[in-house]
Amino acid sequence: MIFLLIDDIRRAIQWTAGKLFYGNTEGESIASDGISRSVFLSWLGLAAGSTLFGSLLYGFSNKYNYHIKRVQLAFDNLPNGFKGLRILHISDIHSGSFMDKKAVEHGVQMILKENADIILFTGDLINDKATEMKDYMDVFNKLKAPMGVYSTLGNHDYGDYVSWPNNGITKEQNLENLKNIHGELGWRLLMNEHVILERGGDKIALIGIENWSALARFPKHGRMDLAYPGAENYPFKILMSHDPSHWDAEVRPKYSDIDLTLSGHTHGMQFGIEVPGFKWSPVQYVYKEWAGLYEDAKQKLYVNRGFGFIGYPGRVGILPEITVIELV
């Protein structure tokens, strides 16, 4: 359509110029090979449209094509007891989008085979309603780790994108039901608070906040002023915060001693190009940090590309991610 629009604009300019300066509307000019500009632009448009459409069709087959990303992160201040700690990070499950339970179960088995020390989930368990988890409780309750499973809320978990009440359930009750689901799964939901992790005689702080976004259209329920106090007494800190825009807007300027922030939210837009040494997605024009590892001085941010999907039921170039982070 873009190429055809360009051709229409060209035709309009040519027609106007012909009327004003030549008193006629000359026909299409023919290239030396006999192909008119209109046909050439139409072919370009058809090629571009077919390529995009074909990639989206292909992407349907990738929505459960889980990929494991392995990352080693070095910190000078990491206590000895936590050297070699293996964190499994997942985000954006979006259970309301799933259509193939066996495929999801396969993804969970991939997680379990990693035998990580701890599992951290950074929000968006559902699309809108807590009832979306009904058929997947017996899938995700299998997630276990020696040091536990911890979770936070994402923007979709608040039910902001549907009308309430829904089937007699209020928006407030839906959120309470979702919180209870985290508990029923055996996950420790962190609501603007921190917990202390102990390993090998050393202790670090794990902070989890509700959704906080620098973009006006997303909620700011996160309260670092509640979650952080007390964490400053520990030499190493991990923050779970769903939206990566939080890192630049508040974490880096105000909490420079938070060593590692884990986020999700962007999904890498489920569309883009990612090859060794190069990655691109349209979402990068909205989010500065949108997939993978980012560093500033001694602080690090890792943005998970998402376990699930929403909207477009597929993935093109940016595949669903299971992240294994080793602290060294």
Protein backbone atom coordinates (compact mmCIF):
# COMPACT_ATOMS: atom_id res chain seq x y z
CA MET A 1 0.00 0.00 0.00
CA ILE A 2 2.89 2.37 0.74
CA PHE A 3 4.36 1.80 -2.72
CA LEU A 4 0.97 2.30 -4.38
CA LEU A 5 0.49 5.52 -2.40
CA ILE A 6 3.87 6.76 -3.64
CA ASP A 7 2.78 5.99 -7.18
CA ASP A 8 -0.53 7.83 -6.69
CA ILE A 9 1.30 10.89 -5.37
CA ARG A 10 3.67 10.75 -8.33
CA ARG A 11 0.72 10.52 -10.74
CA ALA A 12 -1.00 13.50 -9.07
CA ILE A 13 2.14 15.63 -9.34
CA GLN A 14 2.62 14.61 -12.97
CA TRP A 15 -1.03 15.34 -13.83
CA THR A 16 -0.94 18.77 -12.09
CA ALA A 17 2.31 19.72 -13.77
CA GLY A 18 0.91 18.69 -17.13
CA LYS A 19 -2.18 20.87 -16.67
CA LEU A 20 -0.33 23.90 -15.38
CA PHE A 21 2.70 23.95 -17.64
CA TYR A 22 1.83 21.92 -20.71
CA GLY A 23 -1.94 22.20 -20.96
CA ASN A 24 -2.32 18.43 -21.13
CA THR A 25 -1.99 15.27 -19.02
CA GLU A 26 0.72 13.23 -20.59
CA GLY A 27 0.55 9.50 -20.05
CA GLU A 28 2.96 7.26 -18.21
CA SER A 29 6.60 7.64 -19.13
CA ILE A 30 8.18 4.37 -20.16
CA ALA A 31 11.53 3.23 -18.88
CA SER A 32 14.13 2.11 -21.38
CA ASP A 33 13.23 -1.54 -20.79
CA GLY A 34 9.57 -0.87 -21.52
CA ILE A 35 8.31 -1.08 -17.92
CA SER A 36 6.30 1.91 -16.67
CA ARG A 37 7.04 3.51 -13.34
CA SER A 38 3.61 2.42 -12.07
CA VAL A 39 4.23 -1.22 -12.90
CA PHE A 40 7.69 -1.04 -11.33
CA LEU A 41 6.33 0.46 -8.11
CA SER A 42 3.48 -2.05 -8.07
CA TRP A 43 5.98 -4.91 -8.32
CA LEU A 44 8.04 -3.41 -5.50
CA GLY A 45 4.93 -3.09 -3.37
CA LEU A 46 3.85 -6.65 -4.11
CA ALA A 47 7.31 -7.95 -3.23
CA ALA A 48 7.46 -6.00 0.04
CA GLY A 49 3.91 -6.93 1.04
CA SER A 50 4.40 -10.59 0.18
CA THR A 51 7.63 -10.74 2.18
CA LEU A 52 6.01 -9.21 5.24
CA PHE A 53 2.85 -11.31 4.95
CA GLY A 54 4.90 -14.46 4.41
CA SER A 55 7.04 -13.74 7.47
CA LEU A 56 3.92 -13.25 9.61
CA LEU A 57 2.49 -16.54 8.36
CA TYR A 58 5.77 -18.26 9.18
CA GLY A 59 5.76 -16.61 12.61
CA PHE A 60 2.64 -18.52 13.65
CA SER A 61 4.81 -21.63 13.98
CA ASN A 62 7.24 -19.87 16.35
CA LYS A 63 4.92 -18.91 19.19
CA TYR A 64 5.98 -21.95 21.25
CA ASN A 65 9.50 -22.17 19.86
CA TYR A 66 11.17 -21.54 23.21
CA HIS A 67 14.84 -20.58 23.15
CA ILE A 68 17.24 -20.62 26.07
CA LYS A 69 19.51 -17.60 26.40
CA ARG A 70 22.56 -18.16 28.62
CA VAL A 71 24.22 -15.13 30.17
CA GLN A 72 27.18 -14.86 32.55
CA LEU A 73 27.25 -11.67 34.59
CA ALA A 74 30.31 -10.60 36.58
CA PHE A 75 30.06 -8.37 39.65
CA ASP A 76 33.00 -7.28 41.79
CA ASN A 77 30.83 -7.02 44.90
CA LEU A 78 29.09 -10.39 44.58
CA PRO A 79 29.47 -12.28 47.89
CA ASN A 80 31.44 -15.51 47.64
CA GLY A 81 28.45 -17.60 48.66
CA PHE A 82 26.55 -16.46 45.57
CA LYS A 83 29.28 -17.03 43.02
CA GLY A 84 27.95 -19.49 40.47
CA LEU A 85 24.30 -18.79 41.38
CA ARG A 86 22.08 -19.79 38.47
CA ILE A 87 18.97 -17.65 38.05
CA LEU A 88 16.24 -18.74 35.67
CA HIS A 89 14.40 -15.65 34.50
CA ILE A 90 11.07 -15.76 32.67
CA SER A 91 8.54 -13.04 31.97
CA ASP A 92 5.23 -12.34 30.20
CA ILE A 93 3.53 -15.72 30.27
CA HIS A 94 0.17 -14.31 29.07
CA SER A 95 -1.75 -17.50 29.76
CA GLY A 96 -4.90 -16.11 28.13
CA SER A 97 -3.22 -16.36 24.72
CA PHE A 98 -2.23 -20.03 24.91
CA MET A 99 -3.93 -22.51 22.60
CA ASP A 100 -1.63 -25.54 22.90
CA LYS A 101 -1.21 -26.87 26.43
CA LYS A 102 1.28 -29.57 25.46
CA ALA A 103 3.54 -27.00 23.83
CA VAL A 104 3.47 -24.89 26.98
CA GLU A 105 4.21 -27.96 29.09
CA HIS A 106 7.26 -28.57 26.90
CA GLY A 107 8.47 -25.04 27.68
CA VAL A 108 8.05 -25.65 31.40
CA GLN A 109 10.01 -28.91 31.11
CA MET A 110 12.80 -26.98 29.40
CA ILE A 111 12.89 -24.69 32.42
CA LEU A 112 13.02 -27.57 34.88
CA LYS A 113 15.83 -29.31 33.00
CA GLU A 114 18.07 -26.29 33.67
CA ASN A 115 18.06 -27.13 37.42
CA ALA A 116 18.46 -23.47 38.32
CA ASP A 117 18.99 -22.38 41.92
CA ILE A 118 16.15 -19.87 41.81
CA ILE A 119 13.35 -18.93 39.38
CA LEU A 120 12.32 -15.29 38.95
CA PHE A 121 9.18 -14.27 37.02
CA THR A 122 8.79 -10.59 36.15
CA GLY A 123 5.09 -10.15 35.49
CA ASP A 124 2.15 -10.48 33.10
CA LEU A 125 0.95 -13.92 34.10
CA ILE A 126 -2.36 -13.22 32.33
CA ASN A 127 -3.78 -10.97 29.63
CA ASP A 128 -6.69 -9.61 31.67
CA LYS A 129 -8.57 -12.08 33.85
CA ALA A 130 -7.36 -14.39 36.60
CA THR A 131 -9.60 -17.16 35.22
CA GLU A 132 -7.24 -17.42 32.23
CA MET A 133 -4.95 -19.47 34.48
CA LYS A 134 -7.57 -22.14 35.18
CA ASP A 135 -6.31 -24.63 32.60
CA TYR A 136 -2.63 -23.93 33.28
CA MET A 137 -2.38 -24.23 37.06
CA ASP A 138 -1.20 -27.83 36.77
CA VAL A 139 1.45 -26.74 34.27
CA PHE A 140 3.07 -23.82 36.07
CA ASN A 141 2.80 -25.28 39.57
CA LYS A 142 5.55 -27.66 38.46
CA LEU A 143 8.05 -24.80 38.54
CA LYS A 144 10.27 -25.44 41.54
CA ALA A 145 13.79 -24.41 42.54
CA PRO A 146 15.95 -24.98 45.64
CA MET A 147 15.84 -21.29 46.60
CA GLY A 148 12.25 -20.81 45.54
CA VAL A 149 10.17 -19.14 42.84
CA TYR A 150 9.58 -15.40 43.14
CA SER A 151 7.26 -13.24 41.06
CA THR A 152 6.03 -9.70 40.45
CA LEU A 153 3.09 -8.11 38.63
CA GLY A 154 3.07 -6.61 35.13
CA ASN A 155 0.73 -4.09 33.54
CA HIS A 156 -1.68 -6.74 32.20
CA ASP A 157 -2.15 -8.29 35.63
CA TYR A 158 -4.26 -5.35 36.84
CA GLY A 159 -7.10 -5.98 34.37
CA ASP A 160 -6.91 -2.49 32.88
CA TYR A 161 -7.80 -3.58 29.34
CA VAL A 162 -11.30 -5.04 29.85
CA SER A 163 -14.57 -3.72 31.26
CA TRP A 164 -15.58 -4.61 34.82
CA PRO A 165 -17.48 -6.20 36.43
CA ASN A 166 -16.93 -9.29 34.31
CA ASN A 167 -19.03 -12.38 35.03
CA GLY A 168 -19.90 -10.87 38.38
CA ILE A 169 -16.26 -10.28 39.34
CA THR A 170 -15.01 -6.78 40.04
CA LYS A 171 -11.64 -5.48 38.93
CA GLU A 172 -10.43 -5.42 42.54
CA GLN A 173 -11.52 -9.00 43.14
CA ASN A 174 -9.85 -10.12 39.93
CA LEU A 175 -6.53 -8.74 41.18
CA GLU A 176 -6.96 -10.44 44.55
CA ASN A 177 -7.76 -13.72 42.78
CA LEU A 178 -4.59 -13.35 40.73
CA LYS A 179 -2.49 -12.72 43.82
CA ASN A 180 -3.93 -15.90 45.33
CA ILE A 181 -3.04 -17.81 42.17
CA HIS A 182 0.62 -16.89 42.62
CA GLY A 183 0.42 -18.41 46.10
CA GLU A 184 -1.39 -21.53 44.87
CA LEU A 185 1.37 -22.03 42.32
CA GLY A 186 3.90 -21.94 45.14
CA TRP A 187 5.36 -18.62 44.00
CA ARG A 188 6.29 -15.84 46.40
CA LEU A 189 4.72 -12.70 44.96
CA LEU A 190 6.70 -9.60 45.87
CA MET A 191 4.48 -6.53 46.24
CA ASN A 192 6.73 -3.51 46.78
CA GLU A 193 8.92 -5.39 49.22
CA HIS A 194 12.20 -7.23 49.49
CA VAL A 195 13.33 -10.57 50.85
CA ILE A 196 16.74 -11.75 51.95
CA LEU A 197 18.34 -14.66 50.14
CA GLU A 198 21.00 -16.70 51.94
CA ARG A 199 23.56 -19.00 50.35
CA GLY A 200 26.93 -20.25 51.50
CA GLY A 201 26.78 -18.13 54.62
CA ASP A 202 26.24 -14.89 52.69
CA LYS A 203 23.12 -12.78 52.17
CA ILE A 204 21.79 -10.60 49.35
CA ALA A 205 18.54 -8.68 48.83
CA LEU A 206 15.89 -9.54 46.25
CA ILE A 207 13.53 -6.62 45.62
CA GLY A 208 10.21 -6.94 43.81
CA ILE A 209 7.89 -4.07 42.91
CA GLU A 210 4.55 -3.74 41.21
CA ASN A 211 4.42 -2.38 37.68
CA TRP A 212 6.13 0.98 37.21
CA SER A 213 6.48 2.53 33.78
CA ALA A 214 8.00 5.76 32.54
CA LEU A 215 5.34 5.80 29.79
CA ALA A 216 2.15 7.61 30.75
CA ARG A 217 -0.21 4.99 29.29
CA PHE A 218 1.03 2.27 31.69
CA PRO A 219 0.40 2.20 35.46
CA LYS A 220 2.80 3.29 38.19
CA HIS A 221 1.88 1.02 41.09
CA GLY A 222 5.50 0.31 41.96
CA ARG A 223 6.81 1.82 45.21
CA MET A 224 10.55 1.72 45.55
CA ASP A 225 10.17 3.87 48.69
CA LEU A 226 8.46 0.86 50.29
CA ALA A 227 10.47 -1.94 48.70
CA TYR A 228 14.00 -0.62 49.08
CA PRO A 229 14.42 0.44 52.75
CA GLY A 230 16.44 -2.22 54.55
CA ALA A 231 17.94 -3.62 51.34
CA GLU A 232 20.76 -1.09 51.57
CA ASN A 233 22.21 -3.18 54.41
CA TYR A 234 23.17 -5.96 52.01
CA PRO A 235 26.16 -5.93 49.65
CA PHE A 236 24.31 -7.11 46.52
CA LYS A 237 20.81 -6.37 45.28
CA ILE A 238 18.58 -7.78 42.52
CA LEU A 239 15.46 -5.88 41.47
CA MET A 240 12.49 -7.45 39.69
CA SER A 241 10.60 -4.73 37.80
CA HIS A 242 8.35 -5.60 34.87
CA ASP A 243 8.84 -2.54 32.66
CA PRO A 244 12.44 -1.82 31.54
CA SER A 245 11.77 1.93 31.27
CA HIS A 246 11.87 1.93 35.07
CA TRP A 247 15.64 1.34 34.96
CA ASP A 248 16.54 4.61 33.23
CA ALA A 249 13.79 6.68 34.83
CA GLU A 250 14.23 5.78 38.51
CA VAL A 251 16.56 2.88 39.27
CA ARG A 252 19.81 4.24 37.84
CA PRO A 253 19.49 7.86 39.03
CA LYS A 254 18.09 7.12 42.51
CA TYR A 255 19.23 3.60 43.42
CA SER A 256 22.74 3.28 42.07
CA ASP A 257 23.56 0.38 44.40
CA ILE A 258 21.01 -1.95 42.77
CA ASP A 259 23.34 -4.26 40.88
CA LEU A 260 20.99 -6.23 38.63
CA THR A 261 17.51 -5.36 37.37
CA LEU A 262 15.37 -7.98 35.64
CA SER A 263 12.50 -6.90 33.36
CA GLY A 264 10.30 -8.05 30.47
CA HIS A 265 7.22 -6.32 29.03
CA THR A 266 8.39 -5.47 25.50
CA HIS A 267 8.31 -9.02 24.00
CA GLY A 268 10.78 -7.57 21.50
CA MET A 269 7.45 -6.70 19.81
CA GLN A 270 7.46 -10.39 18.73
CA PHE A 271 8.86 -9.09 15.46
CA GLY A 272 12.32 -8.10 14.35
CA ILE A 273 15.74 -9.26 13.30
CA GLU A 274 18.21 -10.84 15.68
CA VAL A 275 21.49 -12.27 14.49
CA PRO A 276 24.91 -12.35 16.18
CA GLY A 277 26.10 -8.78 16.55
CA PHE A 278 22.87 -7.16 15.36
CA LYS A 279 19.30 -6.85 16.57
CA TRP A 280 16.44 -4.63 15.44
CA SER A 281 12.76 -4.32 16.20
CA PRO A 282 10.25 -1.48 15.80
CA VAL A 283 9.84 -1.54 19.60
CA GLN A 284 13.29 0.03 19.98
CA TYR A 285 11.78 3.36 18.88
CA VAL A 286 9.62 3.27 22.02
CA TYR A 287 11.91 1.51 24.50
CA LYS A 288 15.61 2.28 24.72
CA GLU A 289 16.21 -1.05 26.50
CA TRP A 290 14.03 -3.67 24.87
CA ALA A 291 15.80 -7.07 24.73
CA GLY A 292 18.87 -8.61 26.26
CA LEU A 293 21.63 -7.10 28.41
CA TYR A 294 22.29 -3.41 29.09
CA GLU A 295 25.00 -1.95 31.32
CA ASP A 296 25.79 1.41 32.86
CA ALA A 297 28.80 1.69 35.15
CA LYS A 298 28.37 -1.18 37.64
CA GLN A 299 24.63 -1.59 37.09
CA LYS A 300 23.11 -4.13 34.73
CA LEU A 301 19.64 -4.61 33.25
CA TYR A 302 18.43 -7.75 31.53
CA VAL A 303 15.21 -7.59 29.47
CA ASN A 304 13.59 -10.97 28.82
CA ARG A 305 11.86 -11.29 25.43
CA GLY A 306 8.85 -13.02 26.98
CA PHE A 307 7.69 -16.61 27.39
CA GLY A 308 4.24 -16.05 25.89
CA PHE A 309 2.60 -13.77 23.35
CA ILE A 310 -0.30 -11.35 23.02
CA GLY A 311 -2.07 -9.78 20.05
CA TYR A 312 -0.26 -11.35 17.12
CA PRO A 313 -0.17 -15.12 17.86
CA GLY A 314 3.34 -15.65 16.60
CA ARG A 315 6.98 -14.62 16.63
CA VAL A 316 9.10 -13.37 13.75
CA GLY A 317 12.81 -13.11 14.47
CA ILE A 318 12.35 -12.45 18.20
CA LEU A 319 11.65 -15.85 19.73
CA PRO A 320 10.09 -16.71 23.13
CA GLU A 321 12.79 -16.73 25.77
CA ILE A 322 13.92 -18.68 28.80
CA THR A 323 16.93 -16.90 30.35
CA VAL A 324 19.59 -18.62 32.43
CA ILE A 325 21.77 -16.08 34.24
CA GLU A 326 24.90 -17.20 36.05
CA LEU A 327 26.45 -14.78 38.53
CA VAL A 328 30.25 -14.91 38.57
